[in-house]
Amino acid sequence: MTPQIVDRSTWREQRLVLLAEEKAMTRRLDDLAKKRRELPWVKLDDEYVFADSDGPVALTELFGDASQLVIYHFMLGPEWEAGCPSCSFWTDNFNGISAHLGARDISLAFVSRAPVEAIEKYRNRMGWDIRWVSSLANRFNFDFGVSEPTEYNYAPMASPPEEHAGISVFVRGEAGEVFHTYSTYARGLDIVNGAYQLMDLAPKGRNEDDLDFTMAWLHRHDEYPAI
């Protein structure tokens, strides 16, 4: 990277041009968020009972006192030794935000197909306090397109992997019924990764273009070499 070196006045002129583009994009993102909220809802017929360290827990119980529920589909399969490094990267960005979401009537929970014991072991290793339950005994991950999906991100998959990541959003009605309002996958998850957004502000950006694959640099946060 060979930067152009200019005086402060020239830099400001170019920054103002970019600012106009950024403001236009912000307004566009606001419009997209509004359309996202205006999507129709689908009433769930399955009650979905999960497992956590305290025993069975229904999907409705994951709402807590909130009327809205955001679920992160974390890639941790039934026989995996550890959670997906990419999902772990995303989770590092989520840990600690539950109180803020709760103030806006939203609960956050994680769902994986791993047994409860494997989930608890990995969560303790990572130092996270997010609510995380097992869907090993139900079809939740299959129904929402993240376990052995024949379709992912709304497109067919020829060779489905065992697990994929995603986010699904639900609303609880006044009579206790649950509605699915939104799901996103793949690059749709980028917007909720604060670390990536900060990288995008820096001169080198994500610095992934010359790697064998995206995120080839990534490690779980306890696996980076000591600096």
Protein backbone atom coordinates (compact mmCIF):
# COMPACT_ATOMS: atom_id res chain seq x y z
CA MET A 1 0.00 0.00 0.00
CA THR A 2 1.45 3.31 -1.14
CA PRO A 3 -0.59 6.17 0.31
CA GLN A 4 -0.95 9.59 -1.24
CA ILE A 5 0.55 12.18 1.12
CA VAL A 6 -1.26 15.54 1.08
CA ASP A 7 -1.70 18.60 3.25
CA ARG A 8 -4.52 18.85 5.80
CA SER A 9 -6.68 21.07 3.57
CA THR A 10 -6.54 18.62 0.66
CA TRP A 11 -7.27 15.71 2.98
CA ARG A 12 -10.32 17.54 4.35
CA GLU A 13 -11.68 18.18 0.83
CA GLN A 14 -11.45 14.50 -0.03
CA ARG A 15 -12.84 13.48 3.34
CA LEU A 16 -15.93 15.64 2.76
CA VAL A 17 -16.53 13.96 -0.60
CA LEU A 18 -16.35 10.56 1.09
CA LEU A 19 -18.57 11.80 3.93
CA ALA A 20 -21.33 12.57 1.46
CA GLU A 21 -21.12 8.99 0.18
CA GLU A 22 -21.11 7.63 3.74
CA LYS A 23 -24.20 9.63 4.64
CA ALA A 24 -25.98 8.36 1.54
CA MET A 25 -25.08 4.79 2.50
CA THR A 26 -26.27 5.36 6.07
CA ARG A 27 -29.65 6.53 4.77
CA ARG A 28 -29.77 3.51 2.46
CA LEU A 29 -29.02 1.19 5.39
CA ASP A 30 -31.77 2.90 7.40
CA ASP A 31 -34.18 2.21 4.53
CA LEU A 32 -33.09 -1.44 4.41
CA ALA A 33 -33.55 -1.79 8.17
CA LYS A 34 -37.08 -0.41 7.84
CA LYS A 35 -37.89 -2.90 5.07
CA ARG A 36 -36.41 -5.68 7.19
CA ARG A 37 -38.77 -4.75 10.03
CA GLU A 38 -41.71 -4.65 7.60
CA LEU A 39 -41.29 -8.23 6.41
CA PRO A 40 -44.35 -10.43 7.07
CA TRP A 41 -44.25 -12.87 9.98
CA VAL A 42 -44.60 -16.67 10.00
CA LYS A 43 -46.33 -18.33 12.94
CA LEU A 44 -44.36 -21.28 14.35
CA ASP A 45 -46.21 -24.56 14.76
CA ASP A 46 -43.42 -26.34 16.65
CA GLU A 47 -42.85 -25.33 20.27
CA TYR A 48 -39.15 -26.36 20.11
CA VAL A 49 -37.87 -27.59 23.44
CA PHE A 50 -34.12 -27.16 23.97
CA ALA A 51 -31.77 -28.30 26.71
CA ASP A 52 -29.51 -26.24 28.95
CA SER A 53 -27.64 -26.92 32.16
CA ASP A 54 -30.84 -26.50 34.20
CA GLY A 55 -32.92 -28.90 32.10
CA PRO A 56 -35.47 -28.52 29.28
CA VAL A 57 -36.30 -25.00 28.09
CA ALA A 58 -38.92 -24.05 25.52
CA LEU A 59 -38.33 -21.48 22.81
CA THR A 60 -40.89 -19.23 24.50
CA GLU A 61 -38.81 -19.28 27.68
CA LEU A 62 -35.76 -17.95 25.84
CA PHE A 63 -37.62 -14.65 25.43
CA GLY A 64 -37.48 -14.04 29.18
CA ASP A 65 -39.39 -10.80 29.83
CA ALA A 66 -38.83 -9.50 26.30
CA SER A 67 -41.20 -9.77 23.36
CA GLN A 68 -38.38 -10.11 20.82
CA LEU A 69 -35.71 -12.81 20.56
CA VAL A 70 -32.53 -12.88 18.49
CA ILE A 71 -30.91 -16.29 18.10
CA TYR A 72 -27.39 -16.83 16.82
CA HIS A 73 -26.96 -20.23 15.19
CA PHE A 74 -23.50 -21.15 16.51
CA MET A 75 -21.57 -23.84 14.66
CA LEU A 76 -20.86 -26.50 17.26
CA GLY A 77 -21.84 -29.95 16.03
CA PRO A 78 -22.83 -32.96 18.14
CA GLU A 79 -19.35 -34.50 18.11
CA TRP A 80 -17.15 -31.41 17.73
CA GLU A 81 -14.29 -30.84 20.16
CA ALA A 82 -14.56 -27.04 19.97
CA GLY A 83 -16.74 -24.32 18.50
CA CYS A 84 -16.22 -22.82 15.06
CA PRO A 85 -13.44 -20.16 15.11
CA SER A 86 -15.52 -17.81 12.95
CA CYS A 87 -18.58 -18.13 15.19
CA SER A 88 -16.29 -17.59 18.17
CA PHE A 89 -15.03 -14.38 16.52
CA TRP A 90 -18.62 -13.17 16.15
CA THR A 91 -19.45 -14.17 19.72
CA ASP A 92 -16.59 -12.10 21.11
CA ASN A 93 -18.45 -9.13 19.62
CA PHE A 94 -21.73 -10.11 21.33
CA ASN A 95 -20.60 -10.93 24.84
CA GLY A 96 -21.73 -8.28 27.31
CA ILE A 97 -24.47 -6.69 25.17
CA SER A 98 -27.46 -8.58 26.62
CA ALA A 99 -28.24 -5.82 29.14
CA HIS A 100 -28.35 -3.23 26.36
CA LEU A 101 -30.58 -5.42 24.19
CA GLY A 102 -32.84 -6.07 27.17
CA ALA A 103 -33.34 -2.33 27.56
CA ARG A 104 -34.86 -2.38 24.06
CA ASP A 105 -37.13 -5.39 24.66
CA ILE A 106 -34.80 -7.95 23.02
CA SER A 107 -33.35 -11.18 24.38
CA LEU A 108 -30.28 -12.85 22.87
CA ALA A 109 -29.63 -16.59 22.89
CA PHE A 110 -27.32 -19.02 21.13
CA VAL A 111 -28.36 -22.40 19.76
CA SER A 112 -26.11 -25.30 18.73
CA ARG A 113 -26.66 -29.02 18.15
CA ALA A 114 -23.85 -30.00 20.50
CA PRO A 115 -24.80 -31.62 23.81
CA VAL A 116 -25.20 -29.30 26.78
CA GLU A 117 -21.97 -30.56 28.35
CA ALA A 118 -19.94 -29.61 25.25
CA ILE A 119 -21.59 -26.20 25.08
CA GLU A 120 -20.86 -25.45 28.73
CA LYS A 121 -17.26 -26.62 28.43
CA TYR A 122 -16.59 -24.40 25.43
CA ARG A 123 -18.46 -21.40 26.82
CA ASN A 124 -16.44 -21.60 30.04
CA ARG A 125 -13.22 -21.86 28.06
CA MET A 126 -14.10 -18.72 26.09
CA GLY A 127 -15.35 -16.78 29.13
CA TRP A 128 -18.75 -15.94 27.66
CA ASP A 129 -21.95 -15.44 29.65
CA ILE A 130 -24.48 -15.55 26.79
CA ARG A 131 -27.52 -17.83 27.13
CA TRP A 132 -26.69 -20.91 25.04
CA VAL A 133 -28.88 -23.97 24.59
CA SER A 134 -28.72 -27.29 22.76
CA SER A 135 -31.07 -28.23 19.93
CA LEU A 136 -29.73 -31.77 19.69
CA ALA A 137 -33.15 -33.27 20.49
CA ASN A 138 -35.23 -31.13 18.10
CA ARG A 139 -35.27 -29.97 14.47
CA PHE A 140 -34.68 -26.27 15.12
CA ASN A 141 -31.31 -26.06 13.32
CA PHE A 142 -32.63 -28.06 10.38
CA ASP A 143 -35.81 -26.01 10.10
CA PHE A 144 -33.84 -22.75 10.04
CA GLY A 145 -31.33 -23.88 7.46
CA VAL A 146 -28.07 -24.20 9.37
CA SER A 147 -27.62 -27.95 9.95
CA GLU A 148 -26.94 -30.14 6.91
CA PRO A 149 -28.73 -27.51 4.80
CA THR A 150 -29.81 -28.38 1.26
CA GLU A 151 -30.41 -24.63 0.92
CA TYR A 152 -28.27 -21.95 2.54
CA ASN A 153 -28.75 -18.19 2.34
CA TYR A 154 -31.86 -18.92 0.25
CA ALA A 155 -29.94 -20.76 -2.50
CA PRO A 156 -29.51 -24.53 -3.13
CA MET A 157 -26.37 -26.29 -1.83
CA ALA A 158 -24.93 -29.22 -3.76
CA SER A 159 -22.71 -30.48 -0.92
CA PRO A 160 -24.20 -29.33 2.39
CA PRO A 161 -21.78 -29.13 5.34
CA GLU A 162 -22.69 -30.42 8.77
CA GLU A 163 -23.21 -26.96 10.26
CA HIS A 164 -23.50 -23.35 9.10
CA ALA A 165 -23.93 -20.02 10.90
CA GLY A 166 -26.86 -17.63 10.89
CA ILE A 167 -29.11 -15.33 12.87
CA SER A 168 -32.87 -15.73 13.25
CA VAL A 169 -35.30 -13.31 14.86
CA PHE A 170 -38.61 -14.06 16.58
CA VAL A 171 -41.48 -12.15 18.16
CA ARG A 172 -43.82 -13.37 20.89
CA GLY A 173 -47.45 -12.38 20.46
CA GLU A 174 -49.82 -11.31 23.22
CA ALA A 175 -51.37 -14.80 23.34
CA GLY A 176 -47.95 -16.41 23.69
CA GLU A 177 -47.64 -17.55 20.09
CA VAL A 178 -44.22 -17.19 18.42
CA PHE A 179 -43.55 -15.72 14.99
CA HIS A 180 -40.43 -15.92 12.84
CA THR A 181 -39.66 -12.48 11.38
CA TYR A 182 -36.18 -12.62 9.87
CA SER A 183 -33.11 -14.77 9.22
CA THR A 184 -29.76 -13.90 7.68
CA TYR A 185 -26.71 -15.93 6.75
CA ALA A 186 -23.24 -15.72 5.16
CA ARG A 187 -22.14 -12.10 4.49
CA GLY A 188 -25.43 -10.95 6.00
CA LEU A 189 -23.76 -11.53 9.37
CA ASP A 190 -20.98 -9.00 8.69
CA ILE A 191 -23.07 -6.07 9.88
CA VAL A 192 -23.16 -7.38 13.46
CA ASN A 193 -19.41 -7.99 13.72
CA GLY A 194 -18.00 -4.89 15.40
CA ALA A 195 -14.36 -6.00 14.96
CA TYR A 196 -14.78 -6.23 11.19
CA GLN A 197 -16.44 -2.81 11.12
CA LEU A 198 -13.43 -1.32 12.94
CA MET A 199 -11.04 -3.06 10.54
CA ASP A 200 -12.94 -1.48 7.65
CA LEU A 201 -12.02 1.95 9.06
CA ALA A 202 -8.29 1.23 9.12
CA PRO A 203 -5.97 1.76 6.10
CA LYS A 204 -5.30 -1.97 5.58
CA GLY A 205 -8.95 -2.92 6.09
CA ARG A 206 -9.55 -6.61 6.68
CA ASN A 207 -6.29 -7.38 4.86
CA GLU A 208 -7.64 -10.72 3.59
CA ASP A 209 -7.18 -10.40 -0.19
CA ASP A 210 -3.91 -12.35 -0.36
CA LEU A 211 -5.01 -15.17 1.96
CA ASP A 212 -5.89 -18.66 0.79
CA PHE A 213 -9.43 -18.06 2.03
CA THR A 214 -11.34 -15.40 3.94
CA MET A 215 -10.50 -15.41 7.64
CA ALA A 216 -7.49 -17.71 7.17
CA TRP A 217 -5.79 -15.43 9.72
CA LEU A 218 -8.42 -16.04 12.38
CA HIS A 219 -7.88 -17.91 15.65
CA ARG A 220 -10.02 -18.35 18.72
CA HIS A 221 -9.14 -15.53 21.10
CA ASP A 222 -7.14 -17.83 23.39
CA GLU A 223 -5.10 -19.31 20.53
CA TYR A 224 -3.24 -16.28 19.18
CA PRO A 225 0.55 -16.31 19.71
CA ALA A 226 1.67 -14.20 22.64
CA ILE A 227 2.80 -10.72 21.58
